[in-house]
Every structure is written in structure tokens, then in C-alpha cells.
């Protein structure tokens, strides 16, 4: 029984870094997605502002 328990803990410890790297990869992708969305938003906003200023002149 004790061997089973250590085997389980060993398996759990070995599986942990994989989950950590997976979480880091997902977080990095999420940040990249948010940054690209923010960049696209600011670009669209700048274009709208440019059109508005041109229409005023």
C-alpha cells in the first residue's frame, strides 16, 4: 500500500510541470490575443479619428 501511495505521489509530481507549462502556454496565447485585439482596436479608432478630422476640415 505504501508503495502505491509513493507511486501515486511520484506520478502526481511528474504530471505537475506539464500542467504548469500548459497553463503558461495558454496564458501567453491569451495575452497575445488580448494585445492583438487592443492593437486592432486602437488602429480602428485612429482611422475613425482621422476620418472625423478630415471631414471637419
N, C-alpha and C. Protein backbone atom coordinates (compact mmCIF):
# COMPACT_ATOMS: atom_id res chain seq x y z
N UNK A 1 0.83 -1.20 0.00
CA UNK A 1 0.00 0.00 0.00
C UNK A 1 0.87 1.26 0.00
N UNK A 2 1.92 1.23 0.82
CA UNK A 2 2.79 2.40 0.90
C UNK A 2 3.47 2.68 -0.44
N UNK A 3 3.83 1.60 -1.13
CA UNK A 3 4.48 1.74 -2.43
C UNK A 3 3.51 2.35 -3.44
N UNK A 4 2.26 1.95 -3.34
CA UNK A 4 1.23 2.51 -4.24
C UNK A 4 1.10 4.01 -4.00
N UNK A 5 1.14 4.40 -2.74
CA UNK A 5 0.99 5.81 -2.37
C UNK A 5 2.16 6.63 -2.91
N UNK A 6 3.40 6.11 -2.75
CA UNK A 6 4.57 6.84 -3.26
C UNK A 6 4.54 6.88 -4.78
N UNK A 7 4.07 5.81 -5.40
CA UNK A 7 3.95 5.78 -6.86
C UNK A 7 2.95 6.82 -7.34
N UNK A 8 1.86 6.95 -6.60
CA UNK A 8 0.83 7.94 -6.93
C UNK A 8 1.39 9.35 -6.78
N UNK A 9 2.10 9.60 -5.69
CA UNK A 9 2.70 10.92 -5.47
C UNK A 9 3.74 11.24 -6.52
N UNK A 10 4.52 10.23 -6.88
CA UNK A 10 5.54 10.41 -7.92
C UNK A 10 4.88 10.76 -9.25
N UNK A 11 3.82 10.05 -9.59
CA UNK A 11 3.09 10.31 -10.83
C UNK A 11 2.49 11.72 -10.79
N UNK A 12 1.99 12.10 -9.63
CA UNK A 12 1.39 13.43 -9.49
C UNK A 12 2.45 14.51 -9.65
N UNK A 13 3.61 14.31 -9.06
CA UNK A 13 4.69 15.29 -9.17
C UNK A 13 5.22 15.37 -10.60
N UNK A 14 5.25 14.24 -11.29
CA UNK A 14 5.73 14.24 -12.67
C UNK A 14 4.72 14.90 -13.61
N UNK A 15 3.45 14.80 -13.31
CA UNK A 15 2.41 15.38 -14.16
C UNK A 15 2.28 16.89 -13.92
N UNK A 16 2.74 17.35 -12.78
CA UNK A 16 2.57 18.75 -12.41
C UNK A 16 3.27 19.75 -13.35
N UNK A 17 4.54 19.56 -13.69
CA UNK A 17 5.20 20.53 -14.58
C UNK A 17 4.52 20.65 -15.94
N UNK A 18 3.99 19.54 -16.46
CA UNK A 18 3.29 19.56 -17.75
C UNK A 18 2.10 20.52 -17.67
N UNK A 19 1.36 20.41 -16.59
CA UNK A 19 0.21 21.28 -16.40
C UNK A 19 0.65 22.73 -16.24
N UNK A 20 1.76 22.93 -15.57
CA UNK A 20 2.31 24.27 -15.37
C UNK A 20 2.69 24.89 -16.71
N UNK A 21 3.39 24.12 -17.55
CA UNK A 21 3.79 24.63 -18.86
C UNK A 21 2.57 24.87 -19.75
N UNK A 22 1.59 24.00 -19.64
CA UNK A 22 0.35 24.16 -20.41
C UNK A 22 -0.36 25.44 -19.98
N UNK A 23 -0.42 25.68 -18.68
CA UNK A 23 -1.04 26.90 -18.17
C UNK A 23 -0.28 28.13 -18.65
N UNK A 24 1.04 28.06 -18.65
CA UNK A 24 1.86 29.18 -19.13
C UNK A 24 1.63 29.43 -20.62
N UNK A 25 1.53 28.36 -21.39
CA UNK A 25 1.30 28.50 -22.84
C UNK A 25 -0.06 29.12 -23.10
N UNK A 26 -1.08 28.67 -22.37
CA UNK A 26 -2.43 29.23 -22.53
C UNK A 26 -2.43 30.70 -22.13
N UNK A 27 -1.76 31.02 -21.04
CA UNK A 27 -1.68 32.40 -20.58
C UNK A 27 -0.97 33.28 -21.61
N UNK A 28 0.12 32.78 -22.17
CA UNK A 28 0.85 33.53 -23.19
C UNK A 28 -0.01 33.76 -24.44
N UNK A 29 -0.75 32.75 -24.86
CA UNK A 29 -1.65 32.89 -26.01
C UNK A 29 -2.76 33.89 -25.72
N UNK A 30 -3.28 33.84 -24.50
CA UNK A 30 -4.34 34.77 -24.10
C UNK A 30 -3.84 36.21 -24.11
N UNK A 31 -2.63 36.43 -23.59
CA UNK A 31 -2.03 37.77 -23.58
C UNK A 31 -1.81 38.25 -25.01
N UNK A 32 -1.30 37.36 -25.87
CA UNK A 32 -1.07 37.72 -27.27
C UNK A 32 -2.38 38.08 -27.96
N UNK A 33 -3.43 37.33 -27.68
CA UNK A 33 -4.74 37.60 -28.26
C UNK A 33 -5.27 38.95 -27.80
N UNK A 34 -5.15 39.22 -26.51
CA UNK A 34 -5.62 40.50 -25.97
C UNK A 34 -4.82 41.67 -26.55
N UNK A 35 -3.51 41.48 -26.69
CA UNK A 35 -2.67 42.55 -27.24
C UNK A 35 -3.01 42.82 -28.70
N UNK A 36 -3.26 41.76 -29.48
CA UNK A 36 -3.61 41.95 -30.88
C UNK A 36 -4.98 42.60 -31.00
N UNK A 37 -5.89 42.23 -30.11
CA UNK A 37 -7.23 42.84 -30.13
C UNK A 37 -7.13 44.32 -29.76
N UNK A 38 -6.30 44.64 -28.78
CA UNK A 38 -6.11 46.04 -28.38
C UNK A 38 -5.47 46.84 -29.50
N UNK A 39 -4.49 46.24 -30.17
CA UNK A 39 -3.81 46.90 -31.28
C UNK A 39 -4.79 47.16 -32.42
N UNK A 40 -5.61 46.16 -32.74
CA UNK A 40 -6.60 46.31 -33.80
C UNK A 40 -7.62 47.39 -33.42
N UNK A 41 -8.00 47.42 -32.16
CA UNK A 41 -8.94 48.42 -31.68
C UNK A 41 -8.38 49.82 -31.77
N UNK A 42 -7.15 50.00 -31.36
CA UNK A 42 -6.54 51.34 -31.42
C UNK A 42 -6.33 51.78 -32.86
N UNK A 43 -5.99 50.83 -33.73
CA UNK A 43 -5.81 51.16 -35.15
C UNK A 43 -7.14 51.61 -35.76
N UNK A 44 -8.21 50.88 -35.46
CA UNK A 44 -9.54 51.25 -35.97
C UNK A 44 -9.95 52.61 -35.40
N UNK A 45 -9.67 52.84 -34.14
CA UNK A 45 -10.02 54.10 -33.51
C UNK A 45 -9.25 55.26 -34.15
N UNK A 46 -7.97 55.03 -34.42
CA UNK A 46 -7.14 56.05 -35.07
C UNK A 46 -7.68 56.40 -36.46
N UNK A 47 -8.10 55.37 -37.20
CA UNK A 47 -8.64 55.59 -38.53
C UNK A 47 -9.94 56.40 -38.46
N UNK A 48 -10.79 56.06 -37.51
CA UNK A 48 -12.04 56.80 -37.32
C UNK A 48 -11.74 58.25 -36.98
N UNK A 49 -10.77 58.45 -36.12
CA UNK A 49 -10.38 59.81 -35.70
C UNK A 49 -9.84 60.60 -36.90
N UNK A 50 -9.07 59.90 -37.73
CA UNK A 50 -8.50 60.52 -38.94
C UNK A 50 -9.62 60.94 -39.88
N UNK A 51 -10.60 60.07 -40.11
CA UNK A 51 -11.72 60.40 -40.97
C UNK A 51 -12.54 61.55 -40.41
N UNK A 52 -12.73 61.54 -39.11
CA UNK A 52 -13.51 62.61 -38.46
C UNK A 52 -12.80 63.95 -38.61
N UNK A 53 -11.48 63.96 -38.42
CA UNK A 53 -10.72 65.21 -38.53
C UNK A 53 -10.69 65.70 -39.99
N UNK A 54 -10.64 64.77 -40.94
CA UNK A 54 -10.66 65.15 -42.35
C UNK A 54 -12.02 65.71 -42.74
N UNK A 55 -13.07 65.14 -42.19
CA UNK A 55 -14.43 65.59 -42.51
C UNK A 55 -14.66 67.01 -41.95
N UNK A 56 -14.03 67.29 -40.83
CA UNK A 56 -14.19 68.60 -40.19
C UNK A 56 -13.51 69.69 -41.03
N UNK A 57 -12.36 69.35 -41.66
CA UNK A 57 -11.60 70.30 -42.46
C UNK A 57 -12.21 70.51 -43.81
